[in-house]
Amino acid sequence: MARDSGVEAGTVIVAFVLGTIMGAAVALLMAPATGEDTRRRLAERAREGADRAREVAGQGREMWNRQRDTFATAVERGREAYQQARGAQTPGTPSAPSGESL
């Protein structure tokens, strides 16, 4: 479930960024300016948008790597806990159900 909300949040962010870029482009095209000035502004905005997209992609990769590392650490700790619990039992001795003692 947590994964679903992360995907939805990512979709919302991408849609917002694309909407912002499109809105800026339309505003520039509708503003009274010379063709050369408008093309220069559009090129500037496109470069800014590309830079921002690269930045967001980098942040996404960093977040993915952190989550992957966190998951790997949790799996490793789970294995260690399992091995410790398994090693604590002596062979042939049944484990007591929780809350009961032998």
PDB file of N, CA and C in Angstrom:
ATOM      1  N   MET A   1       0.812  -1.200   0.000  1.00  0.00           N
ATOM      2  CA  MET A   1       0.000   0.000   0.000  1.00  0.00           C
ATOM      3  C   MET A   1       0.852   1.259   0.000  1.00  0.00           C
ATOM      4  N   ALA A   2       1.896   1.259   0.827  1.00  0.00           N
ATOM      5  CA  ALA A   2       2.769   2.431   0.877  1.00  0.00           C
ATOM      6  C   ALA A   2       3.404   2.660  -0.481  1.00  0.00           C
ATOM      7  N   ARG A   3       3.673   1.584  -1.184  1.00  0.00           N
ATOM      8  CA  ARG A   3       4.279   1.701  -2.495  1.00  0.00           C
ATOM      9  C   ARG A   3       3.311   2.374  -3.458  1.00  0.00           C
ATOM     10  N   ASP A   4       2.022   2.070  -3.347  1.00  0.00           N
ATOM     11  CA  ASP A   4       1.035   2.674  -4.234  1.00  0.00           C
ATOM     12  C   ASP A   4       0.973   4.178  -4.045  1.00  0.00           C
ATOM     13  N   SER A   5       0.992   4.661  -2.820  1.00  0.00           N
ATOM     14  CA  SER A   5       0.910   6.100  -2.592  1.00  0.00           C
ATOM     15  C   SER A   5       2.163   6.793  -3.106  1.00  0.00           C
ATOM     16  N   GLY A   6       3.297   6.118  -3.078  1.00  0.00           N
ATOM     17  CA  GLY A   6       4.522   6.703  -3.618  1.00  0.00           C
ATOM     18  C   GLY A   6       4.432   6.858  -5.121  1.00  0.00           C
ATOM     19  N   VAL A   7       3.842   5.871  -5.780  1.00  0.00           N
ATOM     20  CA  VAL A   7       3.672   5.942  -7.227  1.00  0.00           C
ATOM     21  C   VAL A   7       2.695   7.054  -7.573  1.00  0.00           C
ATOM     22  N   GLU A   8       1.611   7.135  -6.808  1.00  0.00           N
ATOM     23  CA  GLU A   8       0.628   8.183  -7.057  1.00  0.00           C
ATOM     24  C   GLU A   8       1.241   9.559  -6.832  1.00  0.00           C
ATOM     25  N   ALA A   9       2.051   9.714  -5.804  1.00  0.00           N
ATOM     26  CA  ALA A   9       2.692  10.998  -5.536  1.00  0.00           C
ATOM     27  C   ALA A   9       3.646  11.349  -6.665  1.00  0.00           C
ATOM     28  N   GLY A  10       4.369  10.374  -7.165  1.00  0.00           N
ATOM     29  CA  GLY A  10       5.280  10.618  -8.281  1.00  0.00           C
ATOM     30  C   GLY A  10       4.529  11.051  -9.524  1.00  0.00           C
ATOM     31  N   THR A  11       3.383  10.437  -9.764  1.00  0.00           N
ATOM     32  CA  THR A  11       2.566  10.794 -10.924  1.00  0.00           C
ATOM     33  C   THR A  11       2.061  12.220 -10.791  1.00  0.00           C
ATOM     34  N   VAL A  12       1.642  12.588  -9.607  1.00  0.00           N
ATOM     35  CA  VAL A  12       1.145  13.947  -9.374  1.00  0.00           C
ATOM     36  C   VAL A  12       2.265  14.958  -9.591  1.00  0.00           C
ATOM     37  N   ILE A  13       3.462  14.658  -9.112  1.00  0.00           N
ATOM     38  CA  ILE A  13       4.583  15.584  -9.271  1.00  0.00           C
ATOM     39  C   ILE A  13       4.933  15.748 -10.741  1.00  0.00           C
ATOM     40  N   VAL A  14       4.992  14.643 -11.473  1.00  0.00           N
ATOM     41  CA  VAL A  14       5.307  14.719 -12.903  1.00  0.00           C
ATOM     42  C   VAL A  14       4.239  15.523 -13.635  1.00  0.00           C
ATOM     43  N   ALA A  15       2.970  15.279 -13.329  1.00  0.00           N
ATOM     44  CA  ALA A  15       1.883  16.016 -13.970  1.00  0.00           C
ATOM     45  C   ALA A  15       1.976  17.505 -13.651  1.00  0.00           C
ATOM     46  N   PHE A  16       2.322  17.829 -12.416  1.00  0.00           N
ATOM     47  CA  PHE A  16       2.459  19.233 -12.023  1.00  0.00           C
ATOM     48  C   PHE A  16       3.592  19.903 -12.787  1.00  0.00           C
ATOM     49  N   VAL A  17       4.734  19.233 -12.874  1.00  0.00           N
ATOM     50  CA  VAL A  17       5.885  19.806 -13.578  1.00  0.00           C
ATOM     51  C   VAL A  17       5.549  20.008 -15.053  1.00  0.00           C
ATOM     52  N   LEU A  18       4.942  18.998 -15.681  1.00  0.00           N
ATOM     53  CA  LEU A  18       4.576  19.128 -17.092  1.00  0.00           C
ATOM     54  C   LEU A  18       3.546  20.239 -17.299  1.00  0.00           C
ATOM     55  N   GLY A  19       2.588  20.351 -16.411  1.00  0.00           N
ATOM     56  CA  GLY A  19       1.598  21.425 -16.507  1.00  0.00           C
ATOM     57  C   GLY A  19       2.235  22.796 -16.369  1.00  0.00           C
ATOM     58  N   THR A  20       3.210  22.900 -15.470  1.00  0.00           N
ATOM     59  CA  THR A  20       3.913  24.166 -15.283  1.00  0.00           C
ATOM     60  C   THR A  20       4.675  24.542 -16.540  1.00  0.00           C
ATOM     61  N   ILE A  21       5.347  23.574 -17.121  1.00  0.00           N
ATOM     62  CA  ILE A  21       6.111  23.837 -18.344  1.00  0.00           C
ATOM     63  C   ILE A  21       5.181  24.260 -19.478  1.00  0.00           C
ATOM     64  N   MET A  22       4.086  23.539 -19.638  1.00  0.00           N
ATOM     65  CA  MET A  22       3.135  23.871 -20.704  1.00  0.00           C
ATOM     66  C   MET A  22       2.511  25.252 -20.476  1.00  0.00           C
ATOM     67  N   GLY A  23       2.186  25.544 -19.236  1.00  0.00           N
ATOM     68  CA  GLY A  23       1.621  26.857 -18.931  1.00  0.00           C
ATOM     69  C   GLY A  23       2.596  27.979 -19.227  1.00  0.00           C
ATOM     70  N   ALA A  24       3.861  27.764 -18.896  1.00  0.00           N
ATOM     71  CA  ALA A  24       4.879  28.775 -19.175  1.00  0.00           C
ATOM     72  C   ALA A  24       5.042  28.963 -20.683  1.00  0.00           C
ATOM     73  N   ALA A  25       5.018  27.869 -21.424  1.00  0.00           N
ATOM     74  CA  ALA A  25       5.155  27.962 -22.878  1.00  0.00           C
ATOM     75  C   ALA A  25       3.985  28.724 -23.494  1.00  0.00           C
ATOM     76  N   VAL A  26       2.777  28.431 -23.055  1.00  0.00           N
ATOM     77  CA  VAL A  26       1.599  29.121 -23.577  1.00  0.00           C
ATOM     78  C   VAL A  26       1.659  30.601 -23.214  1.00  0.00           C
ATOM     79  N   ALA A  27       2.063  30.906 -21.994  1.00  0.00           N
ATOM     80  CA  ALA A  27       2.159  32.302 -21.572  1.00  0.00           C
ATOM     81  C   ALA A  27       3.171  33.059 -22.433  1.00  0.00           C
ATOM     82  N   LEU A  28       4.278  32.426 -22.732  1.00  0.00           N
ATOM     83  CA  LEU A  28       5.279  33.080 -23.574  1.00  0.00           C
ATOM     84  C   LEU A  28       4.774  33.285 -24.994  1.00  0.00           C
ATOM     85  N   LEU A  29       4.068  32.293 -25.507  1.00  0.00           N
ATOM     86  CA  LEU A  29       3.559  32.410 -26.867  1.00  0.00           C
ATOM     87  C   LEU A  29       2.468  33.477 -26.977  1.00  0.00           C
ATOM     88  N   MET A  30       1.706  33.673 -25.937  1.00  0.00           N
ATOM     89  CA  MET A  30       0.614  34.640 -25.968  1.00  0.00           C
ATOM     90  C   MET A  30       1.063  36.051 -25.598  1.00  0.00           C
ATOM     91  N   ALA A  31       2.227  36.181 -24.994  1.00  0.00           N
ATOM     92  CA  ALA A  31       2.715  37.498 -24.578  1.00  0.00           C
ATOM     93  C   ALA A  31       3.180  38.279 -25.806  1.00  0.00           C
ATOM     94  N   PRO A  32       2.953  39.575 -25.792  1.00  0.00           N
ATOM     95  CA  PRO A  32       3.401  40.389 -26.926  1.00  0.00           C
ATOM     96  C   PRO A  32       4.925  40.565 -26.878  1.00  0.00           C
ATOM     97  N   ALA A  33       5.603  39.868 -27.738  1.00  0.00           N
ATOM     98  CA  ALA A  33       7.059  39.974 -27.824  1.00  0.00           C
ATOM     99  C   ALA A  33       7.461  39.618 -29.252  1.00  0.00           C
ATOM    100  N   THR A  34       8.673  39.963 -29.624  1.00  0.00           N
ATOM    101  CA  THR A  34       9.146  39.631 -30.961  1.00  0.00           C
ATOM    102  C   THR A  34       9.357  38.125 -31.052  1.00  0.00           C
ATOM    103  N   GLY A  35       9.371  37.609 -32.252  1.00  0.00           N
ATOM    104  CA  GLY A  35       9.579  36.177 -32.460  1.00  0.00           C
ATOM    105  C   GLY A  35      10.912  35.719 -31.915  1.00  0.00           C
ATOM    106  N   GLU A  36      11.943  36.526 -32.147  1.00  0.00           N
ATOM    107  CA  GLU A  36      13.276  36.163 -31.669  1.00  0.00           C
ATOM    108  C   GLU A  36      13.302  36.102 -30.145  1.00  0.00           C
ATOM    109  N   ASP A  37      12.697  37.084 -29.507  1.00  0.00           N
ATOM    110  CA  ASP A  37      12.652  37.124 -28.043  1.00  0.00           C
ATOM    111  C   ASP A  37      11.866  35.935 -27.499  1.00  0.00           C
ATOM    112  N   THR A  38      10.753  35.620 -28.127  1.00  0.00           N
ATOM    113  CA  THR A  38       9.933  34.490 -27.690  1.00  0.00           C
ATOM    114  C   THR A  38      10.689  33.173 -27.841  1.00  0.00           C
ATOM    115  N   ARG A  39      11.373  32.991 -28.967  1.00  0.00           N
ATOM    116  CA  ARG A  39      12.153  31.768 -29.172  1.00  0.00           C
ATOM    117  C   ARG A  39      13.271  31.646 -28.140  1.00  0.00           C
ATOM    118  N   ARG A  40      13.904  32.774 -27.835  1.00  0.00           N
ATOM    119  CA  ARG A  40      14.973  32.760 -26.835  1.00  0.00           C
ATOM    120  C   ARG A  40      14.418  32.366 -25.477  1.00  0.00           C
ATOM    121  N   ARG A  41      13.285  32.935 -25.109  1.00  0.00           N
ATOM    122  CA  ARG A  41      12.661  32.606 -23.822  1.00  0.00           C
ATOM    123  C   ARG A  41      12.240  31.137 -23.770  1.00  0.00           C
ATOM    124  N   LEU A  42      11.664  30.648 -24.869  1.00  0.00           N
ATOM    125  CA  LEU A  42      11.261  29.242 -24.905  1.00  0.00           C
ATOM    126  C   LEU A  42      12.471  28.318 -24.761  1.00  0.00           C
ATOM    127  N   ALA A  43      13.566  28.663 -25.431  1.00  0.00           N
ATOM    128  CA  ALA A  43      14.784  27.855 -25.332  1.00  0.00           C
ATOM    129  C   ALA A  43      15.313  27.870 -23.900  1.00  0.00           C
ATOM    130  N   GLU A  44      15.265  29.039 -23.274  1.00  0.00           N
ATOM    131  CA  GLU A  44      15.698  29.160 -21.871  1.00  0.00           C
ATOM    132  C   GLU A  44      14.853  28.276 -20.970  1.00  0.00           C
ATOM    133  N   ARG A  45      13.551  28.383 -21.141  1.00  0.00           N
ATOM    134  CA  ARG A  45      12.623  27.590 -20.314  1.00  0.00           C
ATOM    135  C   ARG A  45      12.814  26.093 -20.574  1.00  0.00           C
ATOM    136  N   ALA A  46      13.054  25.723 -21.810  1.00  0.00           N
ATOM    137  CA  ALA A  46      13.274  24.309 -22.125  1.00  0.00           C
ATOM    138  C   ALA A  46      14.532  23.804 -21.433  1.00  0.00           C
ATOM    139  N   ARG A  47      15.596  24.606 -21.442  1.00  0.00           N
ATOM    140  CA  ARG A  47      16.824  24.210 -20.746  1.00  0.00           C
ATOM    141  C   ARG A  47      16.579  24.092 -19.248  1.00  0.00           C
ATOM    142  N   GLU A  48      15.851  25.059 -18.692  1.00  0.00           N
ATOM    143  CA  GLU A  48      15.536  25.004 -17.257  1.00  0.00           C
ATOM    144  C   GLU A  48      14.705  23.763 -16.943  1.00  0.00           C
ATOM    145  N   GLY A  49      13.735  23.466 -17.803  1.00  0.00           N
ATOM    146  CA  GLY A  49      12.897  22.284 -17.592  1.00  0.00           C
ATOM    147  C   GLY A  49      13.711  21.002 -17.666  1.00  0.00           C
ATOM    148  N   ALA A  50      14.618  20.930 -18.629  1.00  0.00           N
ATOM    149  CA  ALA A  50      15.465  19.745 -18.759  1.00  0.00           C
ATOM    150  C   ALA A  50      16.378  19.607 -17.546  1.00  0.00           C
ATOM    151  N   ASP A  51      16.930  20.722 -17.081  1.00  0.00           N
ATOM    152  CA  ASP A  51      17.781  20.681 -15.890  1.00  0.00           C
ATOM    153  C   ASP A  51      16.986  20.198 -14.686  1.00  0.00           C
ATOM    154  N   ARG A  52      15.790  20.720 -14.548  1.00  0.00           N
ATOM    155  CA  ARG A  52      14.933  20.330 -13.420  1.00  0.00           C
ATOM    156  C   ARG A  52      14.553  18.848 -13.521  1.00  0.00           C
ATOM    157  N   ALA A  53      14.270  18.386 -14.727  1.00  0.00           N
ATOM    158  CA  ALA A  53      13.918  16.967 -14.909  1.00  0.00           C
ATOM    159  C   ALA A  53      15.100  16.081 -14.529  1.00  0.00           C
ATOM    160  N   ARG A  54      16.308  16.484 -14.916  1.00  0.00           N
ATOM    161  CA  ARG A  54      17.496  15.707 -14.531  1.00  0.00           C
ATOM    162  C   ARG A  54      17.670  15.697 -13.015  1.00  0.00           C
ATOM    163  N   GLU A  55      17.415  16.845 -12.400  1.00  0.00           N
ATOM    164  CA  GLU A  55      17.537  16.933 -10.941  1.00  0.00           C
ATOM    165  C   GLU A  55      16.532  16.017 -10.248  1.00  0.00           C
ATOM    166  N   VAL A  56      15.291  16.055 -10.710  1.00  0.00           N
ATOM    167  CA  VAL A  56      14.246  15.217 -10.119  1.00  0.00           C
ATOM    168  C   VAL A  56      14.563  13.741 -10.357  1.00  0.00           C
ATOM    169  N   ALA A  57      15.053  13.405 -11.543  1.00  0.00           N
ATOM    170  CA  ALA A  57      15.417  12.013 -11.829  1.00  0.00           C
ATOM    171  C   ALA A  57      16.545  11.565 -10.904  1.00  0.00           C
ATOM    172  N   GLY A  58      17.512  12.433 -10.664  1.00  0.00           N
ATOM    173  CA  GLY A  58      18.600  12.103  -9.743  1.00  0.00           C
ATOM    174  C   GLY A  58      18.089  11.881  -8.330  1.00  0.00           C
ATOM    175  N   GLN A  59      17.167  12.727  -7.904  1.00  0.00           N
ATOM    176  CA  GLN A  59      16.580  12.560  -6.576  1.00  0.00           C
ATOM    177  C   GLN A  59      15.810  11.247  -6.495  1.00  0.00           C
ATOM    178  N   GLY A  60      15.112  10.903  -7.571  1.00  0.00           N
ATOM    179  CA  GLY A  60      14.375   9.643  -7.601  1.00  0.00           C
ATOM    180  C   GLY A  60      15.316   8.447  -7.499  1.00  0.00           C
ATOM    181  N   ARG A  61      16.446   8.520  -8.218  1.00  0.00           N
ATOM    182  CA  ARG A  61      17.428   7.430  -8.136  1.00  0.00           C
ATOM    183  C   ARG A  61      17.997   7.323  -6.725  1.00  0.00           C
ATOM    184  N   GLU A  62      18.298   8.476  -6.115  1.00  0.00           N
ATOM    185  CA  GLU A  62      18.821   8.454  -4.743  1.00  0.00           C
ATOM    186  C   GLU A  62      17.817   7.827  -3.788  1.00  0.00           C
ATOM    187  N   MET A  63      16.546   8.207  -3.916  1.00  0.00           N
ATOM    188  CA  MET A  63      15.509   7.662  -3.040  1.00  0.00           C
ATOM    189  C   MET A  63      15.383   6.155  -3.268  1.00  0.00           C
ATOM    190  N   TRP A  64      15.410   5.720  -4.537  1.00  0.00           N
ATOM    191  CA  TRP A  64      15.331   4.292  -4.851  1.00  0.00           C
ATOM    192  C   TRP A  64      16.487   3.545  -4.195  1.00  0.00           C
ATOM    193  N   ASN A  65      17.697   4.091  -4.305  1.00  0.00           N
ATOM    194  CA  ASN A  65      18.864   3.429  -3.712  1.00  0.00           C
ATOM    195  C   ASN A  65      18.753   3.359  -2.194  1.00  0.00           C
ATOM    196  N   ARG A  66      18.273   4.426  -1.571  1.00  0.00           N
ATOM    197  CA  ARG A  66      18.095   4.407  -0.103  1.00  0.00           C
ATOM    198  C   ARG A  66      17.079   3.357   0.297  1.00  0.00           C
ATOM    199  N   GLN A  67      15.960   3.291  -0.416  1.00  0.00           N
ATOM    200  CA  GLN A  67      14.927   2.305  -0.092  1.00  0.00           C
ATOM    201  C   GLN A  67      15.450   0.891  -0.301  1.00  0.00           C
ATOM    202  N   ARG A  68      16.195   0.671  -1.379  1.00  0.00           N
ATOM    203  CA  ARG A  68      16.763  -0.648  -1.642  1.00  0.00           C
ATOM    204  C   ARG A  68      17.734  -1.032  -0.524  1.00  0.00           C
ATOM    205  N   ASP A  69      18.576  -0.084  -0.093  1.00  0.00           N
ATOM    206  CA  ASP A  69      19.519  -0.363   0.988  1.00  0.00           C
ATOM    207  C   ASP A  69      18.794  -0.656   2.296  1.00  0.00           C
ATOM    208  N   THR A  70      17.741   0.111   2.580  1.00  0.00           N
ATOM    209  CA  THR A  70      16.959  -0.106   3.796  1.00  0.00           C
ATOM    210  C   THR A  70      16.321  -1.487   3.775  1.00  0.00           C
ATOM    211  N   PHE A  71      15.775  -1.868   2.639  1.00  0.00           N
ATOM    212  CA  PHE A  71      15.152  -3.187   2.515  1.00  0.00           C
ATOM    213  C   PHE A  71      16.191  -4.290   2.685  1.00  0.00           C
ATOM    214  N   ALA A  72      17.354  -4.127   2.058  1.00  0.00           N
ATOM    215  CA  ALA A  72      18.410  -5.142   2.164  1.00  0.00           C
ATOM    216  C   ALA A  72      18.875  -5.272   3.620  1.00  0.00           C
ATOM    217  N   THR A  73      18.988  -4.156   4.315  1.00  0.00           N
ATOM    218  CA  THR A  73      19.389  -4.185   5.718  1.00  0.00           C
ATOM    219  C   THR A  73      18.331  -4.901   6.559  1.00  0.00           C
ATOM    220  N   ALA A  74      17.066  -4.617   6.303  1.00  0.00           N
ATOM    221  CA  ALA A  74      15.986  -5.264   7.055  1.00  0.00           C
ATOM    222  C   ALA A  74      15.984  -6.770   6.808  1.00  0.00           C
ATOM    223  N   VAL A  75      16.193  -7.184   5.575  1.00  0.00           N
ATOM    224  CA  VAL A  75      16.235  -8.615   5.265  1.00  0.00           C
ATOM    225  C   VAL A  75      17.412  -9.263   5.983  1.00  0.00           C
ATOM    226  N   GLU A  76      18.556  -8.619   5.946  1.00  0.00           N
ATOM    227  CA  GLU A  76      19.740  -9.175   6.609  1.00  0.00           C
ATOM    228  C   GLU A  76      19.531  -9.284   8.123  1.00  0.00           C
ATOM    229  N   ARG A  77      18.944  -8.265   8.727  1.00  0.00           N
ATOM    230  CA  ARG A  77      18.670  -8.323  10.172  1.00  0.00           C
ATOM    231  C   ARG A  77      17.670  -9.421  10.494  1.00  0.00           C
ATOM    232  N   GLY A  78      16.686  -9.602   9.616  1.00  0.00           N
ATOM    233  CA  GLY A  78      15.725 -10.679   9.817  1.00  0.00           C
ATOM    234  C   GLY A  78      16.404 -12.038   9.760  1.00  0.00           C
ATOM    235  N   ARG A  79      17.310 -12.207   8.813  1.00  0.00           N
ATOM    236  CA  ARG A  79      18.055 -13.470   8.722  1.00  0.00           C
ATOM    237  C   ARG A  79      18.887 -13.702   9.982  1.00  0.00           C
ATOM    238  N   GLU A  80      19.554 -12.642  10.440  1.00  0.00           N
ATOM    239  CA  GLU A  80      20.375 -12.771  11.649  1.00  0.00           C
ATOM    240  C   GLU A  80      19.511 -13.145  12.852  1.00  0.00           C
ATOM    241  N   ALA A  81      18.363 -12.498  12.995  1.00  0.00           N
ATOM    242  CA  ALA A  81      17.472 -12.801  14.115  1.00  0.00           C
ATOM    243  C   ALA A  81      16.970 -14.237  14.025  1.00  0.00           C
ATOM    244  N   TYR A  82      16.664 -14.683  12.816  1.00  0.00           N
ATOM    245  CA  TYR A  82      16.218 -16.059  12.632  1.00  0.00           C
ATOM    246  C   TYR A  82      17.318 -17.040  13.022  1.00  0.00           C
ATOM    247  N   GLN A  83      18.524 -16.760  12.565  1.00  0.00           N
ATOM    248  CA  GLN A  83      19.645 -17.647  12.886  1.00  0.00           C
ATOM    249  C   GLN A  83      19.909 -17.663  14.394  1.00  0.00           C
ATOM    250  N   GLN A  84      19.820 -16.500  15.040  1.00  0.00           N
ATOM    251  CA  GLN A  84      20.022 -16.448  16.493  1.00  0.00           C
ATOM    252  C   GLN A  84      18.940 -17.231  17.214  1.00  0.00           C
ATOM    253  N   ALA A  85      17.703 -17.055  16.796  1.00  0.00           N
ATOM    254  CA  ALA A  85      16.596 -17.769  17.448  1.00  0.00           C
ATOM    255  C   ALA A  85      16.723 -19.267  17.205  1.00  0.00           C
ATOM    256  N   ARG A  86      17.128 -19.623  16.046  1.00  0.00           N
ATOM    257  CA  ARG A  86      17.290 -21.038  15.718  1.00  0.00           C
ATOM    258  C   ARG A  86      18.465 -21.636  16.482  1.00  0.00           C
ATOM    259  N   GLY A  87      19.524 -20.861  16.640  1.00  0.00           N
ATOM    260  CA  GLY A  87      20.690 -21.331  17.377  1.00  0.00           C
ATOM    261  C   GLY A  87      20.443 -21.409  18.870  1.00  0.00           C
ATOM    262  N   ALA A  88      19.493 -20.641  19.392  1.00  0.00           N
ATOM    263  CA  ALA A  88      19.192 -20.633  20.820  1.00  0.00           C
ATOM    264  C   ALA A  88      18.465 -21.908  21.232  1.00  0.00           C
ATOM    265  N   GLN A  89      17.757 -22.543  20.305  1.00  0.00           N
ATOM    266  CA  GLN A  89      17.049 -23.784  20.613  1.00  0.00           C
ATOM    267  C   GLN A  89      18.048 -24.937  20.574  1.00  0.00           C
ATOM    268  N   THR A  90      17.918 -25.816  21.515  1.00  0.00           N
ATOM    269  CA  THR A  90      18.743 -27.019  21.485  1.00  0.00           C
ATOM    270  C   THR A  90      18.005 -28.085  20.708  1.00  0.00           C
ATOM    271  N   PRO A  91      18.707 -28.891  19.953  1.00  0.00           N
ATOM    272  CA  PRO A  91      18.037 -29.920  19.146  1.00  0.00           C
ATOM    273  C   PRO A  91      17.213 -30.854  20.018  1.00  0.00           C
ATOM    274  N   GLY A  92      16.013 -31.167  19.578  1.00  0.00           N
ATOM    275  CA  GLY A  92      15.135 -32.092  20.293  1.00  0.00           C
ATOM    276  C   GLY A  92      14.310 -31.443  21.378  1.00  0.00           C
ATOM    277  N   THR A  93      14.540 -30.145  21.661  1.00  0.00           N
ATOM    278  CA  THR A  93      13.763 -29.450  22.677  1.00  0.00           C
ATOM    279  C   THR A  93      12.682 -28.643  21.985  1.00  0.00           C
ATOM    280  N   PRO A  94      11.417 -28.948  22.246  1.00  0.00           N
ATOM    281  CA  PRO A  94      10.353 -28.165  21.596  1.00  0.00           C
ATOM    282  C   PRO A  94      10.313 -26.765  22.187  1.00  0.00           C
ATOM    283  N   SER A  95       9.977 -25.829  21.359  1.00  0.00           N
ATOM    284  CA  SER A  95       9.869 -24.458  21.860  1.00  0.00           C
ATOM    285  C   SER A  95       8.532 -24.284  22.554  1.00  0.00           C
ATOM    286  N   ALA A  96       8.513 -23.477  23.601  1.00  0.00           N
ATOM    287  CA  ALA A  96       7.279 -23.225  24.355  1.00  0.00           C
ATOM    288  C   ALA A  96       6.468 -22.186  23.629  1.00  0.00           C
ATOM    289  N   PRO A  97       5.122 -22.355  23.563  1.00  0.00           N
ATOM    290  CA  PRO A  97       4.289 -21.320  22.981  1.00  0.00           C
ATOM    291  C   PRO A  97       4.446 -20.042  23.788  1.00  0.00           C
ATOM    292  N   SER A  98       4.219 -18.917  23.141  1.00  0.00           N
ATOM    293  CA  SER A  98       4.429 -17.644  23.826  1.00  0.00           C
ATOM    294  C   SER A  98       3.524 -17.538  25.051  1.00  0.00           C
ATOM    295  N   GLY A  99       4.072 -17.041  26.114  1.00  0.00           N
ATOM    296  CA  GLY A  99       3.317 -16.850  27.341  1.00  0.00           C
ATOM    297  C   GLY A  99       3.345 -18.063  28.262  1.00  0.00           C
ATOM    298  N   GLU A 100       3.862 -19.192  27.795  1.00  0.00           N
ATOM    299  CA  GLU A 100       3.934 -20.395  28.630  1.00  0.00           C
ATOM    300  C   GLU A 100       5.370 -20.742  28.859  1.00  0.00           C
ATOM    301  N   SER A 101       5.643 -21.330  29.993  1.00  0.00           N
ATOM    302  CA  SER A 101       7.003 -21.760  30.261  1.00  0.00           C
ATOM    303  C   SER A 101       7.013 -23.276  30.394  1.00  0.00           C
ATOM    304  N   LEU A 102       8.179 -23.865  30.178  1.00  0.00           N
ATOM    305  CA  LEU A 102       8.302 -25.328  30.242  1.00  0.00           C
ATOM    306  C   LEU A 102       8.533 -25.800  31.635  1.00  0.00           C
TER     307      LEU A 102
END
